[in-house]
mmCIF file of all heavy atoms, coordinates in Angstrom:
data_MODEL
# 
_entry.id   MODEL 
# 
loop_
_atom_site.group_PDB 
_atom_site.id 
_atom_site.type_symbol 
_atom_site.label_atom_id 
_atom_site.label_alt_id 
_atom_site.label_comp_id 
_atom_site.label_asym_id 
_atom_site.label_entity_id 
_atom_site.label_seq_id 
_atom_site.pdbx_PDB_ins_code 
_atom_site.Cartn_x 
_atom_site.Cartn_y 
_atom_site.Cartn_z 
_atom_site.occupancy 
_atom_site.B_iso_or_equiv 
_atom_site.pdbx_formal_charge 
_atom_site.auth_seq_id 
_atom_site.auth_comp_id 
_atom_site.auth_asym_id 
_atom_site.auth_atom_id 
_atom_site.pdbx_PDB_model_num 
ATOM 1   N N   . PRO A 1 1  ? 24.898 12.016 1.800  1.00 0.00 ? 1  PRO A N   1 
ATOM 2   C CA  . PRO A 1 1  ? 24.536 10.615 2.063  1.00 0.00 ? 1  PRO A CA  1 
ATOM 3   C C   . PRO A 1 1  ? 24.480 9.750  0.813  1.00 0.00 ? 1  PRO A C   1 
ATOM 4   O O   . PRO A 1 1  ? 24.651 8.528  0.905  1.00 0.00 ? 1  PRO A O   1 
ATOM 5   C CB  . PRO A 1 1  ? 23.154 10.734 2.725  1.00 0.00 ? 1  PRO A CB  1 
ATOM 6   C CG  . PRO A 1 1  ? 23.154 12.095 3.342  1.00 0.00 ? 1  PRO A CG  1 
ATOM 7   C CD  . PRO A 1 1  ? 23.937 12.958 2.395  1.00 0.00 ? 1  PRO A CD  1 
ATOM 8   N N   . ASP A 1 2  ? 24.247 10.380 -0.363 1.00 0.00 ? 2  ASP A N   1 
ATOM 9   C CA  . ASP A 1 2  ? 24.169 9.599  -1.597 1.00 0.00 ? 2  ASP A CA  1 
ATOM 10  C C   . ASP A 1 2  ? 25.437 9.716  -2.440 1.00 0.00 ? 2  ASP A C   1 
ATOM 11  O O   . ASP A 1 2  ? 25.422 9.420  -3.644 1.00 0.00 ? 2  ASP A O   1 
ATOM 12  C CB  . ASP A 1 2  ? 22.936 9.992  -2.412 1.00 0.00 ? 2  ASP A CB  1 
ATOM 13  C CG  . ASP A 1 2  ? 22.643 11.485 -2.417 1.00 0.00 ? 2  ASP A CG  1 
ATOM 14  O OD1 . ASP A 1 2  ? 23.092 12.188 -1.499 1.00 0.00 ? 2  ASP A OD1 1 
ATOM 15  O OD2 . ASP A 1 2  ? 21.950 11.960 -3.346 1.00 0.00 ? 2  ASP A OD2 1 
ATOM 16  N N   . HIS A 1 3  ? 26.541 10.121 -1.833 1.00 0.00 ? 3  HIS A N   1 
ATOM 17  C CA  . HIS A 1 3  ? 27.836 10.127 -2.513 1.00 0.00 ? 3  HIS A CA  1 
ATOM 18  C C   . HIS A 1 3  ? 28.228 8.679  -2.835 1.00 0.00 ? 3  HIS A C   1 
ATOM 19  O O   . HIS A 1 3  ? 27.999 7.769  -2.024 1.00 0.00 ? 3  HIS A O   1 
ATOM 20  C CB  . HIS A 1 3  ? 28.883 10.774 -1.600 1.00 0.00 ? 3  HIS A CB  1 
ATOM 21  C CG  . HIS A 1 3  ? 30.184 11.099 -2.260 1.00 0.00 ? 3  HIS A CG  1 
ATOM 22  N ND1 . HIS A 1 3  ? 31.042 10.137 -2.768 1.00 0.00 ? 3  HIS A ND1 1 
ATOM 23  C CD2 . HIS A 1 3  ? 30.807 12.299 -2.491 1.00 0.00 ? 3  HIS A CD2 1 
ATOM 24  C CE1 . HIS A 1 3  ? 32.127 10.716 -3.276 1.00 0.00 ? 3  HIS A CE1 1 
ATOM 25  N NE2 . HIS A 1 3  ? 32.003 12.030 -3.116 1.00 0.00 ? 3  HIS A NE2 1 
ATOM 26  N N   . PRO A 1 4  ? 28.825 8.418  -3.992 1.00 0.00 ? 4  PRO A N   1 
ATOM 27  C CA  . PRO A 1 4  ? 29.220 7.042  -4.335 1.00 0.00 ? 4  PRO A CA  1 
ATOM 28  C C   . PRO A 1 4  ? 30.127 6.385  -3.305 1.00 0.00 ? 4  PRO A C   1 
ATOM 29  O O   . PRO A 1 4  ? 30.096 5.159  -3.138 1.00 0.00 ? 4  PRO A O   1 
ATOM 30  C CB  . PRO A 1 4  ? 29.940 7.215  -5.679 1.00 0.00 ? 4  PRO A CB  1 
ATOM 31  C CG  . PRO A 1 4  ? 29.333 8.434  -6.286 1.00 0.00 ? 4  PRO A CG  1 
ATOM 32  C CD  . PRO A 1 4  ? 29.035 9.344  -5.122 1.00 0.00 ? 4  PRO A CD  1 
ATOM 33  N N   . TYR A 1 5  ? 30.944 7.164  -2.597 1.00 0.00 ? 5  TYR A N   1 
ATOM 34  C CA  . TYR A 1 5  ? 31.837 6.582  -1.593 1.00 0.00 ? 5  TYR A CA  1 
ATOM 35  C C   . TYR A 1 5  ? 31.058 5.833  -0.512 1.00 0.00 ? 5  TYR A C   1 
ATOM 36  O O   . TYR A 1 5  ? 31.565 4.863  0.069  1.00 0.00 ? 5  TYR A O   1 
ATOM 37  C CB  . TYR A 1 5  ? 32.662 7.676  -0.899 1.00 0.00 ? 5  TYR A CB  1 
ATOM 38  C CG  . TYR A 1 5  ? 33.795 8.263  -1.707 1.00 0.00 ? 5  TYR A CG  1 
ATOM 39  C CD1 . TYR A 1 5  ? 34.355 9.491  -1.335 1.00 0.00 ? 5  TYR A CD1 1 
ATOM 40  C CD2 . TYR A 1 5  ? 34.319 7.620  -2.826 1.00 0.00 ? 5  TYR A CD2 1 
ATOM 41  C CE1 . TYR A 1 5  ? 35.409 10.056 -2.052 1.00 0.00 ? 5  TYR A CE1 1 
ATOM 42  C CE2 . TYR A 1 5  ? 35.359 8.178  -3.555 1.00 0.00 ? 5  TYR A CE2 1 
ATOM 43  C CZ  . TYR A 1 5  ? 35.907 9.398  -3.163 1.00 0.00 ? 5  TYR A CZ  1 
ATOM 44  O OH  . TYR A 1 5  ? 36.930 9.953  -3.867 1.00 0.00 ? 5  TYR A OH  1 
ATOM 45  N N   . VAL A 1 6  ? 29.839 6.289  -0.200 1.00 0.00 ? 6  VAL A N   1 
ATOM 46  C CA  . VAL A 1 6  ? 29.095 5.710  0.921  1.00 0.00 ? 6  VAL A CA  1 
ATOM 47  C C   . VAL A 1 6  ? 28.765 4.244  0.651  1.00 0.00 ? 6  VAL A C   1 
ATOM 48  O O   . VAL A 1 6  ? 28.817 3.406  1.561  1.00 0.00 ? 6  VAL A O   1 
ATOM 49  C CB  . VAL A 1 6  ? 27.811 6.522  1.204  1.00 0.00 ? 6  VAL A CB  1 
ATOM 50  C CG1 . VAL A 1 6  ? 27.035 5.908  2.368  1.00 0.00 ? 6  VAL A CG1 1 
ATOM 51  C CG2 . VAL A 1 6  ? 28.165 7.973  1.521  1.00 0.00 ? 6  VAL A CG2 1 
ATOM 52  N N   . THR A 1 7  ? 28.450 3.913  -0.575 1.00 0.00 ? 7  THR A N   1 
ATOM 53  C CA  . THR A 1 7  ? 28.160 2.513  -0.922 1.00 0.00 ? 7  THR A CA  1 
ATOM 54  C C   . THR A 1 7  ? 29.420 1.754  -1.328 1.00 0.00 ? 7  THR A C   1 
ATOM 55  O O   . THR A 1 7  ? 29.536 0.561  -1.070 1.00 0.00 ? 7  THR A O   1 
ATOM 56  C CB  . THR A 1 7  ? 27.131 2.444  -2.060 1.00 0.00 ? 7  THR A CB  1 
ATOM 57  O OG1 . THR A 1 7  ? 27.590 3.237  -3.175 1.00 0.00 ? 7  THR A OG1 1 
ATOM 58  C CG2 . THR A 1 7  ? 25.786 2.971  -1.593 1.00 0.00 ? 7  THR A CG2 1 
ATOM 59  N N   . GLU A 1 8  ? 30.368 2.452  -1.941 1.00 0.00 ? 8  GLU A N   1 
ATOM 60  C CA  . GLU A 1 8  ? 31.595 1.780  -2.402 1.00 0.00 ? 8  GLU A CA  1 
ATOM 61  C C   . GLU A 1 8  ? 32.582 1.542  -1.262 1.00 0.00 ? 8  GLU A C   1 
ATOM 62  O O   . GLU A 1 8  ? 33.326 0.560  -1.269 1.00 0.00 ? 8  GLU A O   1 
ATOM 63  C CB  . GLU A 1 8  ? 32.261 2.625  -3.485 1.00 0.00 ? 8  GLU A CB  1 
ATOM 64  C CG  . GLU A 1 8  ? 31.439 2.746  -4.762 1.00 0.00 ? 8  GLU A CG  1 
ATOM 65  C CD  . GLU A 1 8  ? 32.031 3.777  -5.728 1.00 0.00 ? 8  GLU A CD  1 
ATOM 66  O OE1 . GLU A 1 8  ? 33.099 4.359  -5.406 1.00 0.00 ? 8  GLU A OE1 1 
ATOM 67  O OE2 . GLU A 1 8  ? 31.428 3.997  -6.802 1.00 0.00 ? 8  GLU A OE2 1 
ATOM 68  N N   . HIS A 1 9  ? 32.591 2.436  -0.281 1.00 0.00 ? 9  HIS A N   1 
ATOM 69  C CA  . HIS A 1 9  ? 33.536 2.331  0.841  1.00 0.00 ? 9  HIS A CA  1 
ATOM 70  C C   . HIS A 1 9  ? 32.813 2.658  2.150  1.00 0.00 ? 9  HIS A C   1 
ATOM 71  O O   . HIS A 1 9  ? 33.120 3.652  2.816  1.00 0.00 ? 9  HIS A O   1 
ATOM 72  C CB  . HIS A 1 9  ? 34.709 3.291  0.647  1.00 0.00 ? 9  HIS A CB  1 
ATOM 73  C CG  . HIS A 1 9  ? 35.484 3.075  -0.612 1.00 0.00 ? 9  HIS A CG  1 
ATOM 74  N ND1 . HIS A 1 9  ? 36.424 2.076  -0.745 1.00 0.00 ? 9  HIS A ND1 1 
ATOM 75  C CD2 . HIS A 1 9  ? 35.445 3.735  -1.810 1.00 0.00 ? 9  HIS A CD2 1 
ATOM 76  C CE1 . HIS A 1 9  ? 36.951 2.129  -1.965 1.00 0.00 ? 9  HIS A CE1 1 
ATOM 77  N NE2 . HIS A 1 9  ? 36.362 3.119  -2.624 1.00 0.00 ? 9  HIS A NE2 1 
ATOM 78  N N   . PRO A 1 10 ? 31.864 1.834  2.556  1.00 0.00 ? 10 PRO A N   1 
ATOM 79  C CA  . PRO A 1 10 ? 31.093 2.152  3.769  1.00 0.00 ? 10 PRO A CA  1 
ATOM 80  C C   . PRO A 1 10 ? 31.961 2.257  5.027  1.00 0.00 ? 10 PRO A C   1 
ATOM 81  O O   . PRO A 1 10 ? 31.597 2.956  5.974  1.00 0.00 ? 10 PRO A O   1 
ATOM 82  C CB  . PRO A 1 10 ? 30.104 0.991  3.874  1.00 0.00 ? 10 PRO A CB  1 
ATOM 83  C CG  . PRO A 1 10 ? 30.713 -0.112 3.062  1.00 0.00 ? 10 PRO A CG  1 
ATOM 84  C CD  . PRO A 1 10 ? 31.450 0.558  1.955  1.00 0.00 ? 10 PRO A CD  1 
ATOM 85  N N   . ASP A 1 11 ? 33.127 1.573  5.010  1.00 0.00 ? 11 ASP A N   1 
ATOM 86  C CA  . ASP A 1 11 ? 33.984 1.622  6.191  1.00 0.00 ? 11 ASP A CA  1 
ATOM 87  C C   . ASP A 1 11 ? 34.743 2.942  6.305  1.00 0.00 ? 11 ASP A C   1 
ATOM 88  O O   . ASP A 1 11 ? 35.481 3.153  7.270  1.00 0.00 ? 11 ASP A O   1 
ATOM 89  C CB  . ASP A 1 11 ? 34.975 0.451  6.185  1.00 0.00 ? 11 ASP A CB  1 
ATOM 90  C CG  . ASP A 1 11 ? 35.699 0.275  4.867  1.00 0.00 ? 11 ASP A CG  1 
ATOM 91  O OD1 . ASP A 1 11 ? 35.223 0.819  3.849  1.00 0.00 ? 11 ASP A OD1 1 
ATOM 92  O OD2 . ASP A 1 11 ? 36.747 -0.404 4.846  1.00 0.00 ? 11 ASP A OD2 1 
ATOM 93  N N   . TRP A 1 12 ? 34.561 3.840  5.351  1.00 0.00 ? 12 TRP A N   1 
ATOM 94  C CA  . TRP A 1 12 ? 35.162 5.173  5.455  1.00 0.00 ? 12 TRP A CA  1 
ATOM 95  C C   . TRP A 1 12 ? 34.269 6.128  6.253  1.00 0.00 ? 12 TRP A C   1 
ATOM 96  O O   . TRP A 1 12 ? 34.598 7.294  6.414  1.00 0.00 ? 12 TRP A O   1 
ATOM 97  C CB  . TRP A 1 12 ? 35.411 5.764  4.066  1.00 0.00 ? 12 TRP A CB  1 
ATOM 98  C CG  . TRP A 1 12 ? 36.529 5.082  3.321  1.00 0.00 ? 12 TRP A CG  1 
ATOM 99  C CD1 . TRP A 1 12 ? 37.310 4.054  3.749  1.00 0.00 ? 12 TRP A CD1 1 
ATOM 100 C CD2 . TRP A 1 12 ? 36.972 5.394  2.003  1.00 0.00 ? 12 TRP A CD2 1 
ATOM 101 N NE1 . TRP A 1 12 ? 38.217 3.694  2.797  1.00 0.00 ? 12 TRP A NE1 1 
ATOM 102 C CE2 . TRP A 1 12 ? 38.042 4.497  1.703  1.00 0.00 ? 12 TRP A CE2 1 
ATOM 103 C CE3 . TRP A 1 12 ? 36.584 6.319  1.038  1.00 0.00 ? 12 TRP A CE3 1 
ATOM 104 C CZ2 . TRP A 1 12 ? 38.721 4.518  0.478  1.00 0.00 ? 12 TRP A CZ2 1 
ATOM 105 C CZ3 . TRP A 1 12 ? 37.252 6.348  -0.179 1.00 0.00 ? 12 TRP A CZ3 1 
ATOM 106 C CH2 . TRP A 1 12 ? 38.312 5.459  -0.452 1.00 0.00 ? 12 TRP A CH2 1 
ATOM 107 N N   . PHE A 1 13 ? 33.144 5.618  6.749  1.00 0.00 ? 13 PHE A N   1 
ATOM 108 C CA  . PHE A 1 13 ? 32.192 6.451  7.479  1.00 0.00 ? 13 PHE A CA  1 
ATOM 109 C C   . PHE A 1 13 ? 31.844 5.788  8.807  1.00 0.00 ? 13 PHE A C   1 
ATOM 110 O O   . PHE A 1 13 ? 32.111 4.609  9.028  1.00 0.00 ? 13 PHE A O   1 
ATOM 111 C CB  . PHE A 1 13 ? 30.930 6.679  6.634  1.00 0.00 ? 13 PHE A CB  1 
ATOM 112 C CG  . PHE A 1 13 ? 31.222 7.298  5.295  1.00 0.00 ? 13 PHE A CG  1 
ATOM 113 C CD1 . PHE A 1 13 ? 31.501 6.500  4.188  1.00 0.00 ? 13 PHE A CD1 1 
ATOM 114 C CD2 . PHE A 1 13 ? 31.276 8.679  5.148  1.00 0.00 ? 13 PHE A CD2 1 
ATOM 115 C CE1 . PHE A 1 13 ? 31.801 7.075  2.959  1.00 0.00 ? 13 PHE A CE1 1 
ATOM 116 C CE2 . PHE A 1 13 ? 31.580 9.253  3.926  1.00 0.00 ? 13 PHE A CE2 1 
ATOM 117 C CZ  . PHE A 1 13 ? 31.848 8.450  2.828  1.00 0.00 ? 13 PHE A CZ  1 
ATOM 118 N N   . THR A 1 14 ? 31.246 6.554  9.699  1.00 0.00 ? 14 THR A N   1 
ATOM 119 C CA  . THR A 1 14 ? 30.876 6.045  11.017 1.00 0.00 ? 14 THR A CA  1 
ATOM 120 C C   . THR A 1 14 ? 29.399 5.660  11.005 1.00 0.00 ? 14 THR A C   1 
ATOM 121 O O   . THR A 1 14 ? 28.539 6.484  10.641 1.00 0.00 ? 14 THR A O   1 
ATOM 122 C CB  . THR A 1 14 ? 31.130 7.110  12.096 1.00 0.00 ? 14 THR A CB  1 
ATOM 123 O OG1 . THR A 1 14 ? 32.526 7.445  12.103 1.00 0.00 ? 14 THR A OG1 1 
ATOM 124 C CG2 . THR A 1 14 ? 30.731 6.594  13.469 1.00 0.00 ? 14 THR A CG2 1 
ATOM 125 N N   . TRP A 1 15 ? 29.135 4.434  11.429 1.00 0.00 ? 15 TRP A N   1 
ATOM 126 C CA  . TRP A 1 15 ? 27.758 3.932  11.443 1.00 0.00 ? 15 TRP A CA  1 
ATOM 127 C C   . TRP A 1 15 ? 27.297 3.791  12.888 1.00 0.00 ? 15 TRP A C   1 
ATOM 128 O O   . TRP A 1 15 ? 27.989 3.255  13.736 1.00 0.00 ? 15 TRP A O   1 
ATOM 129 C CB  . TRP A 1 15 ? 27.672 2.597  10.703 1.00 0.00 ? 15 TRP A CB  1 
ATOM 130 C CG  . TRP A 1 15 ? 28.033 2.762  9.249  1.00 0.00 ? 15 TRP A CG  1 
ATOM 131 C CD1 . TRP A 1 15 ? 29.285 2.735  8.709  1.00 0.00 ? 15 TRP A CD1 1 
ATOM 132 C CD2 . TRP A 1 15 ? 27.142 3.038  8.193  1.00 0.00 ? 15 TRP A CD2 1 
ATOM 133 N NE1 . TRP A 1 15 ? 29.236 2.977  7.358  1.00 0.00 ? 15 TRP A NE1 1 
ATOM 134 C CE2 . TRP A 1 15 ? 27.922 3.161  7.000  1.00 0.00 ? 15 TRP A CE2 1 
ATOM 135 C CE3 . TRP A 1 15 ? 25.754 3.203  8.097  1.00 0.00 ? 15 TRP A CE3 1 
ATOM 136 C CZ2 . TRP A 1 15 ? 27.363 3.438  5.760  1.00 0.00 ? 15 TRP A CZ2 1 
ATOM 137 C CZ3 . TRP A 1 15 ? 25.189 3.466  6.848  1.00 0.00 ? 15 TRP A CZ3 1 
ATOM 138 C CH2 . TRP A 1 15 ? 25.996 3.587  5.698  1.00 0.00 ? 15 TRP A CH2 1 
ATOM 139 N N   . ARG A 1 16 ? 26.086 4.286  13.134 1.00 0.00 ? 16 ARG A N   1 
ATOM 140 C CA  . ARG A 1 16 ? 25.546 4.296  14.481 1.00 0.00 ? 16 ARG A CA  1 
ATOM 141 C C   . ARG A 1 16 ? 24.879 2.955  14.809 1.00 0.00 ? 16 ARG A C   1 
ATOM 142 O O   . ARG A 1 16 ? 24.593 2.155  13.905 1.00 0.00 ? 16 ARG A O   1 
ATOM 143 C CB  . ARG A 1 16 ? 24.558 5.450  14.626 1.00 0.00 ? 16 ARG A CB  1 
ATOM 144 C CG  . ARG A 1 16 ? 25.226 6.802  14.405 1.00 0.00 ? 16 ARG A CG  1 
ATOM 145 C CD  . ARG A 1 16 ? 24.285 7.971  14.569 1.00 0.00 ? 16 ARG A CD  1 
ATOM 146 N NE  . ARG A 1 16 ? 23.267 8.054  13.519 1.00 0.00 ? 16 ARG A NE  1 
ATOM 147 C CZ  . ARG A 1 16 ? 22.535 9.142  13.277 1.00 0.00 ? 16 ARG A CZ  1 
ATOM 148 N NH1 . ARG A 1 16 ? 22.699 10.233 14.020 1.00 0.00 ? 16 ARG A NH1 1 
ATOM 149 N NH2 . ARG A 1 16 ? 21.627 9.137  12.323 1.00 0.00 ? 16 ARG A NH2 1 
ATOM 150 N N   . PRO A 1 17 ? 24.621 2.682  16.105 1.00 0.00 ? 17 PRO A N   1 
ATOM 151 C CA  . PRO A 1 17 ? 24.040 1.390  16.493 1.00 0.00 ? 17 PRO A CA  1 
ATOM 152 C C   . PRO A 1 17 ? 22.724 1.073  15.809 1.00 0.00 ? 17 PRO A C   1 
ATOM 153 O O   . PRO A 1 17 ? 22.378 -0.105 15.651 1.00 0.00 ? 17 PRO A O   1 
ATOM 154 C CB  . PRO A 1 17 ? 23.853 1.539  18.014 1.00 0.00 ? 17 PRO A CB  1 
ATOM 155 C CG  . PRO A 1 17 ? 24.906 2.522  18.422 1.00 0.00 ? 17 PRO A CG  1 
ATOM 156 C CD  . PRO A 1 17 ? 25.000 3.489  17.286 1.00 0.00 ? 17 PRO A CD  1 
ATOM 157 N N   . ASP A 1 18 ? 21.964 2.085  15.402 1.00 0.00 ? 18 ASP A N   1 
ATOM 158 C CA  . ASP A 1 18 ? 20.670 1.818  14.761 1.00 0.00 ? 18 ASP A CA  1 
ATOM 159 C C   . ASP A 1 18 ? 20.804 1.568  13.266 1.00 0.00 ? 18 ASP A C   1 
ATOM 160 O O   . ASP A 1 18 ? 19.797 1.465  12.554 1.00 0.00 ? 18 ASP A O   1 
ATOM 161 C CB  . ASP A 1 18 ? 19.693 2.970  15.016 1.00 0.00 ? 18 ASP A CB  1 
ATOM 162 C CG  . ASP A 1 18 ? 20.176 4.288  14.414 1.00 0.00 ? 18 ASP A CG  1 
ATOM 163 O OD1 . ASP A 1 18 ? 21.284 4.317  13.836 1.00 0.00 ? 18 ASP A OD1 1 
ATOM 164 O OD2 . ASP A 1 18 ? 19.432 5.288  14.517 1.00 0.00 ? 18 ASP A OD2 1 
ATOM 165 N N   . GLY A 1 19 ? 22.059 1.484  12.777 1.00 0.00 ? 19 GLY A N   1 
ATOM 166 C CA  . GLY A 1 19 ? 22.279 1.182  11.368 1.00 0.00 ? 19 GLY A CA  1 
ATOM 167 C C   . GLY A 1 19 ? 22.329 2.384  10.460 1.00 0.00 ? 19 GLY A C   1 
ATOM 168 O O   . GLY A 1 19 ? 22.522 2.239  9.251  1.00 0.00 ? 19 GLY A O   1 
ATOM 169 N N   . THR A 1 20 ? 22.150 3.572  11.027 1.00 0.00 ? 20 THR A N   1 
ATOM 170 C CA  . THR A 1 20 ? 22.220 4.789  10.207 1.00 0.00 ? 20 THR A CA  1 
ATOM 171 C C   . THR A 1 20 ? 23.641 5.353  10.252 1.00 0.00 ? 20 THR A C   1 
ATOM 172 O O   . THR A 1 20 ? 24.410 5.096  11.186 1.00 0.00 ? 20 THR A O   1 
ATOM 173 C CB  . THR A 1 20 ? 21.232 5.853  10.710 1.00 0.00 ? 20 THR A CB  1 
ATOM 174 O OG1 . THR A 1 20 ? 21.560 6.193  12.066 1.00 0.00 ? 20 THR A OG1 1 
ATOM 175 C CG2 . THR A 1 20 ? 19.805 5.336  10.625 1.00 0.00 ? 20 THR A CG2 1 
ATOM 176 N N   . VAL A 1 21 ? 23.962 6.125  9.245  1.00 0.00 ? 21 VAL A N   1 
ATOM 177 C CA  . VAL A 1 21 ? 25.298 6.705  9.154  1.00 0.00 ? 21 VAL A CA  1 
ATOM 178 C C   . VAL A 1 21 ? 25.329 8.023  9.925  1.00 0.00 ? 21 VAL A C   1 
ATOM 179 O O   . VAL A 1 21 ? 24.336 8.760  9.966  1.00 0.00 ? 21 VAL A O   1 
ATOM 180 C CB  . VAL A 1 21 ? 25.700 6.910  7.683  1.00 0.00 ? 21 VAL A CB  1 
ATOM 181 C CG1 . VAL A 1 21 ? 24.820 7.940  7.002  1.00 0.00 ? 21 VAL A CG1 1 
ATOM 182 C CG2 . VAL A 1 21 ? 27.177 7.273  7.545  1.00 0.00 ? 21 VAL A CG2 1 
ATOM 183 N N   . GLN A 1 22 ? 26.453 8.309  10.553 1.00 0.00 ? 22 GLN A N   1 
ATOM 184 C CA  . GLN A 1 22 ? 26.602 9.523  11.358 1.00 0.00 ? 22 GLN A CA  1 
ATOM 185 C C   . GLN A 1 22 ? 26.810 10.735 10.453 1.00 0.00 ? 22 GLN A C   1 
ATOM 186 O O   . GLN A 1 22 ? 27.767 10.792 9.695  1.00 0.00 ? 22 GLN A O   1 
ATOM 187 C CB  . GLN A 1 22 ? 27.800 9.382  12.295 1.00 0.00 ? 22 GLN A CB  1 
ATOM 188 C CG  . GLN A 1 22 ? 28.094 10.614 13.126 1.00 0.00 ? 22 GLN A CG  1 
ATOM 189 C CD  . GLN A 1 22 ? 27.003 10.905 14.138 1.00 0.00 ? 22 GLN A CD  1 
ATOM 190 O OE1 . GLN A 1 22 ? 26.695 10.066 14.976 1.00 0.00 ? 22 GLN A OE1 1 
ATOM 191 N NE2 . GLN A 1 22 ? 26.412 12.083 14.043 1.00 0.00 ? 22 GLN A NE2 1 
ATOM 192 N N   . TYR A 1 23 ? 25.895 11.691 10.529 1.00 0.00 ? 23 TYR A N   1 
ATOM 193 C CA  . TYR A 1 23 ? 26.094 12.927 9.765  1.00 0.00 ? 23 TYR A CA  1 
ATOM 194 C C   . TYR A 1 23 ? 26.872 13.925 10.613 1.00 0.00 ? 23 TYR A C   1 
ATOM 195 O O   . TYR A 1 23 ? 27.145 13.699 11.792 1.00 0.00 ? 23 TYR A O   1 
ATOM 196 C CB  . TYR A 1 23 ? 24.761 13.511 9.291  1.00 0.00 ? 23 TYR A CB  1 
ATOM 197 C CG  . TYR A 1 23 ? 23.731 13.772 10.357 1.00 0.00 ? 23 TYR A CG  1 
ATOM 198 C CD1 . TYR A 1 23 ? 23.833 14.857 11.219 1.00 0.00 ? 23 TYR A CD1 1 
ATOM 199 C CD2 . TYR A 1 23 ? 22.611 12.935 10.490 1.00 0.00 ? 23 TYR A CD2 1 
ATOM 200 C CE1 . TYR A 1 23 ? 22.876 15.098 12.184 1.00 0.00 ? 23 TYR A CE1 1 
ATOM 201 C CE2 . TYR A 1 23 ? 21.646 13.175 11.462 1.00 0.00 ? 23 TYR A CE2 1 
ATOM 202 C CZ  . TYR A 1 23 ? 21.779 14.253 12.308 1.00 0.00 ? 23 TYR A CZ  1 
ATOM 203 O OH  . TYR A 1 23 ? 20.840 14.493 13.273 1.00 0.00 ? 23 TYR A OH  1 
ATOM 204 N N   . ALA A 1 24 ? 27.273 15.028 9.996  1.00 0.00 ? 24 ALA A N   1 
ATOM 205 C CA  . ALA A 1 24 ? 28.130 16.006 10.669 1.00 0.00 ? 24 ALA A CA  1 
ATOM 206 C C   . ALA A 1 24 ? 27.341 16.776 11.712 1.00 0.00 ? 24 ALA A C   1 
ATOM 207 O O   . ALA A 1 24 ? 26.187 17.152 11.493 1.00 0.00 ? 24 ALA A O   1 
ATOM 208 C CB  . ALA A 1 24 ? 28.732 16.965 9.646  1.00 0.00 ? 24 ALA A CB  1 
ATOM 209 N N   . GLU A 1 25 ? 27.996 17.018 12.842 1.00 0.00 ? 25 GLU A N   1 
ATOM 210 C CA  . GLU A 1 25 ? 27.393 17.794 13.915 1.00 0.00 ? 25 GLU A CA  1 
ATOM 211 C C   . GLU A 1 25 ? 28.448 18.685 14.561 1.00 0.00 ? 25 GLU A C   1 
ATOM 212 O O   . GLU A 1 25 ? 29.624 18.333 14.629 1.00 0.00 ? 25 GLU A O   1 
ATOM 213 C CB  . GLU A 1 25 ? 26.801 16.880 14.992 1.00 0.00 ? 25 GLU A CB  1 
ATOM 214 C CG  . GLU A 1 25 ? 25.563 16.129 14.590 1.00 0.00 ? 25 GLU A CG  1 
ATOM 215 C CD  . GLU A 1 25 ? 24.976 15.352 15.752 1.00 0.00 ? 25 GLU A CD  1 
ATOM 216 O OE1 . GLU A 1 25 ? 25.679 14.476 16.299 1.00 0.00 ? 25 GLU A OE1 1 
ATOM 217 O OE2 . GLU A 1 25 ? 23.833 15.624 16.127 1.00 0.00 ? 25 GLU A OE2 1 
# 
C-alpha cells in the first residue's frame, strides 16, 4: 500500500466505493 506507484499512479490500482484501495484476495 505504501509503494511509490500508489501515489504517483493511483489509476494503476482499483479503488473501492469507500475510497480505499482494493488489496489482493
